[in-house]
Amino acid sequence: MSKSKSPDKNEQRQFKRHTNWHHVYPTSRFKIKKGPALHTAWHDVFENLTPEEAMGKAAGWAIDPEKFRENITANSRKMNAWTMLFGGINIPLKDVLEIIKNDWTFHGVRMIKTKRA
């Protein structure tokens, strides 16, 4: 029985490209595709959070608006991304959550984070 070889640097880099959490739904089965601008806007606002995690983050910002100001409105790139994703700064939390739920998750699938072995 042979032992698996350790991946070289190119193989490691290729694997790392496919570890973004919000890409856990296989595109061959679930058609949640976003254009490059929206994809980048998501990363600017939520980094690599899943849609479920992003909903929690947005709820936290609603409770603590100062954190929202520090994280989003104080940064013009993030503010532009927020506007692209949600239409503006005065959008109610329930609408933000609804947009994430409707536009960034696959209905009927709930992503849960598991620990790696």
Protein backbone atom coordinates (compact mmCIF):
# COMPACT_ATOMS: atom_id res chain seq x y z
CA MET A 1 0.00 0.00 0.00
CA SER A 2 1.56 3.32 -1.03
CA LYS A 3 1.46 6.47 1.03
CA SER A 4 -0.05 9.65 -0.47
CA LYS A 5 2.51 12.21 -1.53
CA SER A 6 2.54 15.64 0.07
CA PRO A 7 1.14 18.33 -2.22
CA ASP A 8 3.68 20.69 -3.76
CA LYS A 9 3.28 24.49 -3.54
CA ASN A 10 1.30 24.73 -6.80
CA GLU A 11 -1.13 22.05 -5.65
CA GLN A 12 -1.51 23.78 -2.27
CA ARG A 13 -2.23 27.12 -3.96
CA GLN A 14 -4.80 25.52 -6.27
CA PHE A 15 -6.53 23.91 -3.30
CA LYS A 16 -6.54 27.16 -1.30
CA ARG A 17 -8.35 28.96 -4.11
CA HIS A 18 -11.37 26.75 -3.48
CA THR A 19 -11.81 27.25 0.26
CA ASN A 20 -14.01 30.36 0.37
CA TRP A 21 -16.90 29.53 2.65
CA HIS A 22 -19.62 31.22 0.62
CA HIS A 23 -18.82 28.91 -2.28
CA VAL A 24 -19.87 25.77 -0.46
CA TYR A 25 -22.87 25.18 -2.68
CA PRO A 26 -21.67 23.23 -5.75
CA THR A 27 -22.39 25.39 -8.79
CA SER A 28 -23.08 22.29 -10.85
CA ARG A 29 -26.13 21.66 -8.65
CA PHE A 30 -27.14 25.07 -7.30
CA LYS A 31 -27.18 28.05 -9.61
CA ILE A 32 -26.21 30.88 -7.26
CA LYS A 33 -23.83 32.82 -9.42
CA LYS A 34 -22.89 36.45 -9.03
CA GLY A 35 -21.00 38.69 -11.40
CA PRO A 36 -17.46 39.69 -10.48
CA ALA A 37 -18.51 43.10 -9.14
CA LEU A 38 -21.07 41.64 -6.72
CA HIS A 39 -18.68 38.85 -5.78
CA THR A 40 -15.99 41.41 -4.91
CA ALA A 41 -18.52 43.59 -3.07
CA TRP A 42 -19.48 40.59 -0.91
CA HIS A 43 -15.84 40.02 0.01
CA ASP A 44 -15.30 43.72 0.72
CA VAL A 45 -18.19 43.79 3.19
CA PHE A 46 -18.22 40.27 4.64
CA GLU A 47 -14.75 38.93 3.75
CA ASN A 48 -15.13 35.11 3.58
CA LEU A 49 -18.22 34.79 5.76
CA THR A 50 -20.97 32.44 4.69
CA PRO A 51 -24.38 33.98 4.04
CA GLU A 52 -25.53 32.61 7.40
CA GLU A 53 -22.55 34.17 9.18
CA ALA A 54 -23.05 37.45 7.30
CA MET A 55 -26.64 37.63 8.57
CA GLY A 56 -25.30 37.37 12.13
CA LYS A 57 -22.69 40.04 11.44
CA ALA A 58 -25.31 42.40 9.99
CA ALA A 59 -27.57 41.81 13.01
CA GLY A 60 -24.63 42.66 15.28
CA TRP A 61 -24.03 45.89 13.39
CA ALA A 62 -27.71 46.82 13.83
CA ILE A 63 -27.33 46.38 17.58
CA ASP A 64 -24.06 48.35 17.65
CA PRO A 65 -24.15 51.04 14.92
CA GLU A 66 -20.70 52.27 15.98
CA LYS A 67 -19.22 48.93 14.86
CA PHE A 68 -20.98 49.38 11.51
CA ARG A 69 -19.49 52.86 11.20
CA GLU A 70 -16.01 51.58 12.08
CA ASN A 71 -16.23 48.59 9.74
CA ILE A 72 -18.20 49.92 6.78
CA THR A 73 -18.98 53.63 6.56
CA ALA A 74 -15.46 54.73 7.58
CA ASN A 75 -14.05 52.90 4.54
CA SER A 76 -15.11 54.24 1.13
CA ARG A 77 -14.47 50.94 -0.68
CA LYS A 78 -16.58 49.01 1.84
CA MET A 79 -19.27 51.68 1.76
CA ASN A 80 -19.46 51.47 -2.04
CA ALA A 81 -19.65 47.68 -1.78
CA TRP A 82 -22.43 47.92 0.84
CA THR A 83 -24.37 50.26 -1.46
CA MET A 84 -23.93 47.87 -4.38
CA LEU A 85 -25.18 44.93 -2.30
CA PHE A 86 -28.00 46.61 -0.39
CA GLY A 87 -28.83 49.90 -2.12
CA GLY A 88 -27.72 52.31 0.58
CA ILE A 89 -26.90 52.99 4.17
CA ASN A 90 -30.45 53.57 5.45
CA ILE A 91 -31.77 50.13 4.58
CA PRO A 92 -33.50 48.42 7.52
CA LEU A 93 -31.86 45.31 8.98
CA LYS A 94 -34.83 43.13 8.03
CA ASP A 95 -34.31 44.12 4.39
CA VAL A 96 -30.55 43.39 4.56
CA LEU A 97 -31.30 39.95 6.02
CA GLU A 98 -33.94 39.31 3.38
CA ILE A 99 -31.55 40.24 0.55
CA ILE A 100 -28.86 37.93 1.91
CA LYS A 101 -31.38 35.13 2.41
CA ASN A 102 -32.98 35.51 -1.02
CA ASP A 103 -29.94 36.39 -3.13
CA TRP A 104 -27.00 34.65 -1.47
CA THR A 105 -28.31 31.38 -0.07
CA PHE A 106 -29.85 28.37 -1.72
CA HIS A 107 -33.33 27.80 -0.35
CA GLY A 108 -33.69 24.52 1.44
CA VAL A 109 -29.95 24.20 2.12
CA ARG A 110 -28.49 25.32 5.41
CA MET A 111 -24.72 25.52 5.56
CA ILE A 112 -23.13 24.53 8.83
CA LYS A 113 -19.49 24.95 9.69
CA THR A 114 -17.69 21.81 10.74
CA LYS A 115 -14.26 21.36 12.23
CA ARG A 116 -11.54 20.02 9.98
CA ALA A 117 -9.90 16.80 11.01
